[in-house]
PDB file of all heavy atoms in Angstrom:
ATOM      1  N   PHE A   1      70.699  71.192 149.564  1.00  0.00           N
ATOM      2  CA  PHE A   1      72.087  71.272 149.104  1.00  0.00           C
ATOM      3  C   PHE A   1      72.196  71.801 147.676  1.00  0.00           C
ATOM      4  O   PHE A   1      73.285  72.162 147.231  1.00  0.00           O
ATOM      5  CB  PHE A   1      72.749  69.906 149.226  1.00  0.00           C
ATOM      6  CG  PHE A   1      72.871  69.430 150.648  1.00  0.00           C
ATOM      7  CD1 PHE A   1      72.112  68.365 151.115  1.00  0.00           C
ATOM      8  CD2 PHE A   1      73.711  70.082 151.536  1.00  0.00           C
ATOM      9  CE1 PHE A   1      72.209  67.943 152.428  1.00  0.00           C
ATOM     10  CE2 PHE A   1      73.809  69.667 152.859  1.00  0.00           C
ATOM     11  CZ  PHE A   1      73.055  68.601 153.310  1.00  0.00           C
ATOM     12  N   LEU A   2      71.079  71.866 146.974  1.00  0.00           N
ATOM     13  CA  LEU A   2      71.067  72.482 145.658  1.00  0.00           C
ATOM     14  C   LEU A   2      70.925  73.999 145.749  1.00  0.00           C
ATOM     15  O   LEU A   2      71.570  74.744 145.002  1.00  0.00           O
ATOM     16  CB  LEU A   2      69.915  71.908 144.815  1.00  0.00           C
ATOM     17  CG  LEU A   2      70.082  70.488 144.278  1.00  0.00           C
ATOM     18  CD1 LEU A   2      68.791  70.015 143.612  1.00  0.00           C
ATOM     19  CD2 LEU A   2      71.235  70.420 143.295  1.00  0.00           C
ATOM     20  N   VAL A   3      70.094  74.455 146.672  1.00  0.00           N
ATOM     21  CA  VAL A   3      69.797  75.882 146.759  1.00  0.00           C
ATOM     22  C   VAL A   3      70.810  76.641 147.614  1.00  0.00           C
ATOM     23  O   VAL A   3      71.079  77.825 147.364  1.00  0.00           O
ATOM     24  CB  VAL A   3      68.367  76.102 147.304  1.00  0.00           C
ATOM     25  CG1 VAL A   3      68.281  75.810 148.797  1.00  0.00           C
ATOM     26  CG2 VAL A   3      67.884  77.520 147.016  1.00  0.00           C
ATOM     27  N   SER A   4      71.399  75.992 148.609  1.00  0.00           N
ATOM     28  CA  SER A   4      72.304  76.678 149.532  1.00  0.00           C
ATOM     29  C   SER A   4      73.519  77.324 148.868  1.00  0.00           C
ATOM     30  O   SER A   4      73.901  78.440 149.236  1.00  0.00           O
ATOM     31  CB  SER A   4      72.765  75.717 150.633  1.00  0.00           C
ATOM     32  OG  SER A   4      71.713  75.463 151.541  1.00  0.00           O
ATOM     33  N   PRO A   5      74.173  76.659 147.893  1.00  0.00           N
ATOM     34  CA  PRO A   5      75.312  77.321 147.249  1.00  0.00           C
ATOM     35  C   PRO A   5      74.964  78.670 146.627  1.00  0.00           C
ATOM     36  O   PRO A   5      75.775  79.601 146.645  1.00  0.00           O
ATOM     37  CB  PRO A   5      75.745  76.309 146.174  1.00  0.00           C
ATOM     38  CG  PRO A   5      75.328  74.992 146.734  1.00  0.00           C
ATOM     39  CD  PRO A   5      74.032  75.267 147.435  1.00  0.00           C
ATOM     40  N   PHE A   6      73.746  78.784 146.079  1.00  0.00           N
ATOM     41  CA  PHE A   6      73.344  80.044 145.457  1.00  0.00           C
ATOM     42  C   PHE A   6      73.085  81.118 146.515  1.00  0.00           C
ATOM     43  O   PHE A   6      73.344  82.299 146.290  1.00  0.00           O
ATOM     44  CB  PHE A   6      72.113  79.821 144.579  1.00  0.00           C
ATOM     45  CG  PHE A   6      72.380  78.947 143.396  1.00  0.00           C
ATOM     46  CD1 PHE A   6      72.096  77.590 143.431  1.00  0.00           C
ATOM     47  CD2 PHE A   6      72.956  79.477 142.243  1.00  0.00           C
ATOM     48  CE1 PHE A   6      72.370  76.777 142.336  1.00  0.00           C
ATOM     49  CE2 PHE A   6      73.231  78.674 141.143  1.00  0.00           C
ATOM     50  CZ  PHE A   6      72.940  77.314 141.192  1.00  0.00           C
ATOM     51  N   LEU A   7      72.579  80.718 147.674  1.00  0.00           N
ATOM     52  CA  LEU A   7      72.412  81.667 148.774  1.00  0.00           C
ATOM     53  C   LEU A   7      73.773  82.050 149.350  1.00  0.00           C
ATOM     54  O   LEU A   7      73.975  83.189 149.778  1.00  0.00           O
ATOM     55  CB  LEU A   7      71.520  81.059 149.866  1.00  0.00           C
ATOM     56  CG  LEU A   7      70.082  80.748 149.451  1.00  0.00           C
ATOM     57  CD1 LEU A   7      69.298  80.161 150.625  1.00  0.00           C
ATOM     58  CD2 LEU A   7      69.374  82.006 148.935  1.00  0.00           C
ATOM     59  N   PHE A   8      74.713  81.111 149.331  1.00  0.00           N
ATOM     60  CA  PHE A   8      76.081  81.381 149.793  1.00  0.00           C
ATOM     61  C   PHE A   8      76.761  82.442 148.933  1.00  0.00           C
ATOM     62  O   PHE A   8      77.664  83.139 149.409  1.00  0.00           O
ATOM     63  CB  PHE A   8      76.911  80.099 149.759  1.00  0.00           C
ATOM     64  CG  PHE A   8      76.903  79.339 151.058  1.00  0.00           C
ATOM     65  CD1 PHE A   8      76.119  79.727 152.119  1.00  0.00           C
ATOM     66  CD2 PHE A   8      77.703  78.212 151.219  1.00  0.00           C
ATOM     67  CE1 PHE A   8      76.110  79.031 153.316  1.00  0.00           C
ATOM     68  CE2 PHE A   8      77.720  77.506 152.410  1.00  0.00           C
ATOM     69  CZ  PHE A   8      76.913  77.928 153.462  1.00  0.00           C
ATOM     70  N   LEU A   9      76.364  82.521 147.658  1.00  0.00           N
ATOM     71  CA  LEU A   9      76.953  83.516 146.762  1.00  0.00           C
ATOM     72  C   LEU A   9      76.754  84.931 147.296  1.00  0.00           C
ATOM     73  O   LEU A   9      77.517  85.844 146.947  1.00  0.00           O
ATOM     74  CB  LEU A   9      76.333  83.404 145.366  1.00  0.00           C
ATOM     75  CG  LEU A   9      76.710  82.164 144.550  1.00  0.00           C
ATOM     76  CD1 LEU A   9      75.912  82.104 143.265  1.00  0.00           C
ATOM     77  CD2 LEU A   9      78.200  82.139 144.238  1.00  0.00           C
ATOM     78  N   PHE A  10      75.737  85.115 148.139  1.00  0.00           N
ATOM     79  CA  PHE A  10      75.466  86.426 148.728  1.00  0.00           C
ATOM     80  C   PHE A  10      75.792  86.463 150.218  1.00  0.00           C
ATOM     81  O   PHE A  10      76.267  87.480 150.731  1.00  0.00           O
ATOM     82  CB  PHE A  10      73.989  86.797 148.503  1.00  0.00           C
ATOM     83  CG  PHE A  10      73.602  86.865 147.052  1.00  0.00           C
ATOM     84  CD1 PHE A  10      73.050  85.760 146.411  1.00  0.00           C
ATOM     85  CD2 PHE A  10      73.813  88.021 146.321  1.00  0.00           C
ATOM     86  CE1 PHE A  10      72.708  85.811 145.070  1.00  0.00           C
ATOM     87  CE2 PHE A  10      73.475  88.081 144.977  1.00  0.00           C
ATOM     88  CZ  PHE A  10      72.920  86.976 144.347  1.00  0.00           C
ATOM     89  N   LEU A  11      75.550  85.351 150.920  1.00  0.00           N
ATOM     90  CA  LEU A  11      75.819  85.308 152.360  1.00  0.00           C
ATOM     91  C   LEU A  11      77.305  85.478 152.666  1.00  0.00           C
ATOM     92  O   LEU A  11      77.680  86.318 153.503  1.00  0.00           O
ATOM     93  CB  LEU A  11      75.336  83.973 152.946  1.00  0.00           C
ATOM     94  CG  LEU A  11      75.767  83.703 154.405  1.00  0.00           C
ATOM     95  CD1 LEU A  11      75.016  84.616 155.350  1.00  0.00           C
ATOM     96  CD2 LEU A  11      75.559  82.241 154.778  1.00  0.00           C
ATOM     97  N   ILE A  12      78.164  84.708 152.012  1.00  0.00           N
ATOM     98  CA  ILE A  12      79.594  84.740 152.319  1.00  0.00           C
ATOM     99  C   ILE A  12      80.207  86.102 152.007  1.00  0.00           C
ATOM    100  O   ILE A  12      80.942  86.653 152.841  1.00  0.00           O
ATOM    101  CB  ILE A  12      80.351  83.612 151.595  1.00  0.00           C
ATOM    102  CG1 ILE A  12      79.747  82.243 151.934  1.00  0.00           C
ATOM    103  CG2 ILE A  12      81.827  83.654 151.952  1.00  0.00           C
ATOM    104  CD1 ILE A  12      79.820  81.879 153.392  1.00  0.00           C
ATOM    105  N   PRO A  13      79.947  86.694 150.830  1.00  0.00           N
ATOM    106  CA  PRO A  13      80.478  88.040 150.589  1.00  0.00           C
ATOM    107  C   PRO A  13      79.992  89.066 151.609  1.00  0.00           C
ATOM    108  O   PRO A  13      80.735  89.993 151.959  1.00  0.00           O
ATOM    109  CB  PRO A  13      79.958  88.370 149.179  1.00  0.00           C
ATOM    110  CG  PRO A  13      79.855  87.039 148.514  1.00  0.00           C
ATOM    111  CD  PRO A  13      79.358  86.125 149.600  1.00  0.00           C
ATOM    112  N   ALA A  14      78.759  88.893 152.101  1.00  0.00           N
ATOM    113  CA  ALA A  14      78.241  89.808 153.126  1.00  0.00           C
ATOM    114  C   ALA A  14      79.007  89.653 154.435  1.00  0.00           C
ATOM    115  O   ALA A  14      79.192  90.624 155.179  1.00  0.00           O
ATOM    116  CB  ALA A  14      76.749  89.552 153.351  1.00  0.00           C
ATOM    117  N   ILE A  15      79.466  88.446 154.706  1.00  0.00           N
ATOM    118  CA  ILE A  15      80.235  88.175 155.922  1.00  0.00           C
ATOM    119  C   ILE A  15      81.660  88.734 155.810  1.00  0.00           C
ATOM    120  O   ILE A  15      82.196  89.315 156.751  1.00  0.00           O
ATOM    121  CB  ILE A  15      80.286  86.659 156.206  1.00  0.00           C
ATOM    122  CG1 ILE A  15      78.915  86.159 156.697  1.00  0.00           C
ATOM    123  CG2 ILE A  15      81.359  86.321 157.241  1.00  0.00           C
ATOM    124  CD1 ILE A  15      78.842  84.654 156.881  1.00  0.00           C
ATOM    125  N   THR A  16      82.251  88.573 154.637  1.00  0.00           N
ATOM    126  CA  THR A  16      83.678  88.893 154.484  1.00  0.00           C
ATOM    127  C   THR A  16      83.964  90.307 153.993  1.00  0.00           C
ATOM    128  O   THR A  16      85.115  90.764 154.094  1.00  0.00           O
ATOM    129  CB  THR A  16      84.341  87.912 153.496  1.00  0.00           C
ATOM    130  OG1 THR A  16      83.690  88.012 152.215  1.00  0.00           O
ATOM    131  CG2 THR A  16      84.232  86.478 153.994  1.00  0.00           C
ATOM    132  N   MET A  17      82.969  91.006 153.479  1.00  0.00           N
ATOM    133  CA  MET A  17      83.242  92.274 152.789  1.00  0.00           C
ATOM    134  C   MET A  17      83.913  93.330 153.667  1.00  0.00           C
ATOM    135  O   MET A  17      84.642  94.187 153.175  1.00  0.00           O
ATOM    136  CB  MET A  17      81.934  92.840 152.215  1.00  0.00           C
ATOM    137  CG  MET A  17      80.913  93.250 153.243  1.00  0.00           C
ATOM    138  SD  MET A  17      79.404  93.899 152.451  1.00  0.00           S
ATOM    139  CE  MET A  17      78.446  94.378 153.902  1.00  0.00           C
ATOM    140  N   ARG A  18      83.707  93.262 154.970  1.00  0.00           N
ATOM    141  CA  ARG A  18      84.254  94.289 155.850  1.00  0.00           C
ATOM    142  C   ARG A  18      85.599  93.907 156.467  1.00  0.00           C
ATOM    143  O   ARG A  18      86.255  94.754 157.072  1.00  0.00           O
ATOM    144  CB  ARG A  18      83.257  94.580 156.979  1.00  0.00           C
ATOM    145  CG  ARG A  18      82.971  93.371 157.867  1.00  0.00           C
ATOM    146  CD  ARG A  18      82.072  93.723 159.036  1.00  0.00           C
ATOM    147  NE  ARG A  18      82.644  94.797 159.824  1.00  0.00           N
ATOM    148  CZ  ARG A  18      83.590  94.628 160.724  1.00  0.00           C
ATOM    149  NH1 ARG A  18      84.094  93.435 160.924  1.00  0.00           N
ATOM    150  NH2 ARG A  18      84.051  95.654 161.398  1.00  0.00           N
ATOM    151  N   MET A  19      86.033  92.684 156.311  1.00  0.00           N
ATOM    152  CA  MET A  19      87.174  92.178 157.087  1.00  0.00           C
ATOM    153  C   MET A  19      88.453  92.980 156.897  1.00  0.00           C
ATOM    154  O   MET A  19      89.153  93.295 157.856  1.00  0.00           O
ATOM    155  CB  MET A  19      87.401  90.702 156.784  1.00  0.00           C
ATOM    156  CG  MET A  19      86.330  89.816 157.405  1.00  0.00           C
ATOM    157  SD  MET A  19      86.700  88.071 157.267  1.00  0.00           S
ATOM    158  CE  MET A  19      85.520  87.397 158.440  1.00  0.00           C
ATOM    159  N   PHE A  20      88.783  93.301 155.662  1.00  0.00           N
ATOM    160  CA  PHE A  20      89.937  94.159 155.406  1.00  0.00           C
ATOM    161  C   PHE A  20      89.508  95.553 154.956  1.00  0.00           C
ATOM    162  O   PHE A  20      90.160  96.547 155.275  1.00  0.00           O
ATOM    163  CB  PHE A  20      90.859  93.535 154.351  1.00  0.00           C
ATOM    164  CG  PHE A  20      91.745  92.448 154.890  1.00  0.00           C
ATOM    165  CD1 PHE A  20      91.541  91.130 154.538  1.00  0.00           C
ATOM    166  CD2 PHE A  20      92.791  92.749 155.746  1.00  0.00           C
ATOM    167  CE1 PHE A  20      92.362  90.122 155.028  1.00  0.00           C
ATOM    168  CE2 PHE A  20      93.618  91.744 156.256  1.00  0.00           C
ATOM    169  CZ  PHE A  20      93.397  90.436 155.893  1.00  0.00           C
ATOM    170  N   ALA A  21      88.415  95.616 154.190  1.00  0.00           N
ATOM    171  CA  ALA A  21      87.966  96.897 153.656  1.00  0.00           C
ATOM    172  C   ALA A  21      87.646  97.891 154.771  1.00  0.00           C
ATOM    173  O   ALA A  21      87.993  99.075 154.687  1.00  0.00           O
ATOM    174  CB  ALA A  21      86.734  96.685 152.773  1.00  0.00           C
ATOM    175  N   GLU A  22      86.994  97.419 155.820  1.00  0.00           N
ATOM    176  CA  GLU A  22      86.641  98.297 156.928  1.00  0.00           C
ATOM    177  C   GLU A  22      87.892  98.754 157.682  1.00  0.00           C
ATOM    178  O   GLU A  22      87.963  99.907 158.137  1.00  0.00           O
ATOM    179  CB  GLU A  22      85.688  97.579 157.879  1.00  0.00           C
ATOM    180  CG  GLU A  22      85.285  98.369 159.121  1.00  0.00           C
ATOM    181  CD  GLU A  22      84.542  99.649 158.803  1.00  0.00           C
ATOM    182  OE1 GLU A  22      84.013  99.775 157.682  1.00  0.00           O
ATOM    183  OE2 GLU A  22      84.484 100.535 159.682  1.00  0.00           O
ATOM    184  N   GLU A  23      88.867  97.872 157.806  1.00  0.00           N
ATOM    185  CA  GLU A  23      90.134  98.229 158.460  1.00  0.00           C
ATOM    186  C   GLU A  23      90.811  99.366 157.691  1.00  0.00           C
ATOM    187  O   GLU A  23      91.340 100.316 158.278  1.00  0.00           O
ATOM    188  CB  GLU A  23      91.067  97.006 158.517  1.00  0.00           C
ATOM    189  CG  GLU A  23      90.539  95.822 159.295  1.00  0.00           C
ATOM    190  CD  GLU A  23      90.859  95.894 160.782  1.00  0.00           C
ATOM    191  OE1 GLU A  23      91.286  96.958 161.247  1.00  0.00           O
ATOM    192  OE2 GLU A  23      90.663  94.875 161.465  1.00  0.00           O
ATOM    193  N   LYS A  24      90.776  99.264 156.364  1.00  0.00           N
ATOM    194  CA  LYS A  24      91.387 100.296 155.534  1.00  0.00           C
ATOM    195  C   LYS A  24      90.611 101.604 155.627  1.00  0.00           C
ATOM    196  O   LYS A  24      91.192 102.690 155.730  1.00  0.00           O
ATOM    197  CB  LYS A  24      91.454  99.829 154.073  1.00  0.00           C
ATOM    198  CG  LYS A  24      92.418  98.676 153.830  1.00  0.00           C
ATOM    199  CD  LYS A  24      92.444  98.314 152.358  1.00  0.00           C
ATOM    200  CE  LYS A  24      93.432  97.203 152.080  1.00  0.00           C
ATOM    201  NZ  LYS A  24      93.479  96.844 150.642  1.00  0.00           N
ATOM    202  N   ARG A  25      89.299 101.507 155.563  1.00  0.00           N
ATOM    203  CA  ARG A  25      88.474 102.713 155.596  1.00  0.00           C
ATOM    204  C   ARG A  25      88.606 103.448 156.921  1.00  0.00           C
ATOM    205  O   ARG A  25      88.675 104.680 156.970  1.00  0.00           O
ATOM    206  CB  ARG A  25      87.002 102.354 155.367  1.00  0.00           C
ATOM    207  CG  ARG A  25      86.070 103.555 155.201  1.00  0.00           C
ATOM    208  CD  ARG A  25      84.624 103.173 155.425  1.00  0.00           C
ATOM    209  NE  ARG A  25      84.404 102.749 156.812  1.00  0.00           N
ATOM    210  CZ  ARG A  25      84.270 103.600 157.822  1.00  0.00           C
ATOM    211  NH1 ARG A  25      84.359 104.906 157.634  1.00  0.00           N
ATOM    212  NH2 ARG A  25      84.064 103.135 159.040  1.00  0.00           N
ATOM    213  N   ALA A  26      88.660 102.678 158.013  1.00  0.00           N
ATOM    214  CA  ALA A  26      88.735 103.284 159.343  1.00  0.00           C
ATOM    215  C   ALA A  26      90.148 103.714 159.716  1.00  0.00           C
ATOM    216  O   ALA A  26      90.363 104.362 160.742  1.00  0.00           O
ATOM    217  CB  ALA A  26      88.199 102.303 160.385  1.00  0.00           C
ATOM    218  N   GLY A  27      91.137 103.338 158.891  1.00  0.00           N
ATOM    219  CA  GLY A  27      92.516 103.719 159.164  1.00  0.00           C
ATOM    220  C   GLY A  27      93.195 102.865 160.206  1.00  0.00           C
ATOM    221  O   GLY A  27      94.248 103.233 160.734  1.00  0.00           O
ATOM    222  N   THR A  28      92.604 101.706 160.522  1.00  0.00           N
ATOM    223  CA  THR A  28      93.189 100.811 161.536  1.00  0.00           C
ATOM    224  C   THR A  28      94.040  99.704 160.914  1.00  0.00           C
ATOM    225  O   THR A  28      94.620  98.898 161.631  1.00  0.00           O
ATOM    226  CB  THR A  28      92.075 100.159 162.390  1.00  0.00           C
ATOM    227  OG1 THR A  28      91.184  99.438 161.523  1.00  0.00           O
ATOM    228  CG2 THR A  28      91.284 101.227 163.142  1.00  0.00           C
ATOM    229  N   MET A  29      94.107  99.694 159.573  1.00  0.00           N
ATOM    230  CA  MET A  29      94.856  98.644 158.889  1.00  0.00           C
ATOM    231  C   MET A  29      96.340  98.715 159.224  1.00  0.00           C
ATOM    232  O   MET A  29      96.962  97.698 159.571  1.00  0.00           O
ATOM    233  CB  MET A  29      94.651  98.765 157.377  1.00  0.00           C
ATOM    234  CG  MET A  29      95.219  97.604 156.596  1.00  0.00           C
ATOM    235  SD  MET A  29      94.335  96.069 156.959  1.00  0.00           S
ATOM    236  CE  MET A  29      95.328  94.907 156.047  1.00  0.00           C
ATOM    237  N   GLU A  30      96.911  99.903 159.139  1.00  0.00           N
ATOM    238  CA  GLU A  30      98.337 100.055 159.436  1.00  0.00           C
ATOM    239  C   GLU A  30      98.637  99.703 160.894  1.00  0.00           C
ATOM    240  O   GLU A  30      99.669  99.116 161.205  1.00  0.00           O
ATOM    241  CB  GLU A  30      98.782 101.490 159.130  1.00  0.00           C
ATOM    242  CG  GLU A  30      98.846 101.813 157.646  1.00  0.00           C
ATOM    243  CD  GLU A  30      99.782 100.882 156.892  1.00  0.00           C
ATOM    244  OE1 GLU A  30     100.847 100.544 157.445  1.00  0.00           O
ATOM    245  OE2 GLU A  30      99.451 100.488 155.767  1.00  0.00           O
ATOM    246  N   LEU A  31      97.709 100.079 161.778  1.00  0.00           N
ATOM    247  CA  LEU A  31      97.881  99.752 163.191  1.00  0.00           C
ATOM    248  C   LEU A  31      97.889  98.243 163.391  1.00  0.00           C
ATOM    249  O   LEU A  31      98.704  97.697 164.148  1.00  0.00           O
ATOM    250  CB  LEU A  31      96.771 100.393 164.027  1.00  0.00           C
ATOM    251  CG  LEU A  31      96.782 100.100 165.540  1.00  0.00           C
ATOM    252  CD1 LEU A  31      98.066 100.638 166.155  1.00  0.00           C
ATOM    253  CD2 LEU A  31      95.554 100.695 166.201  1.00  0.00           C
ATOM    254  N   LEU A  32      96.988  97.549 162.687  1.00  0.00           N
ATOM    255  CA  LEU A  32      96.908  96.093 162.790  1.00  0.00           C
ATOM    256  C   LEU A  32      98.189  95.440 162.274  1.00  0.00           C
ATOM    257  O   LEU A  32      98.713  94.505 162.881  1.00  0.00           O
ATOM    258  CB  LEU A  32      95.699  95.581 161.996  1.00  0.00           C
ATOM    259  CG  LEU A  32      95.500  94.068 161.921  1.00  0.00           C
ATOM    260  CD1 LEU A  32      95.251  93.497 163.307  1.00  0.00           C
ATOM    261  CD2 LEU A  32      94.337  93.727 160.988  1.00  0.00           C
TER     262      LEU A  32
END
């Protein structure tokens, strides 16, 4: 529980980075 938060600093952004950014890049954001 001491080390996991520091790994989360990279894991969570890797999970979320595409959620809206990819929609915008692919042009599907307006459709959504």
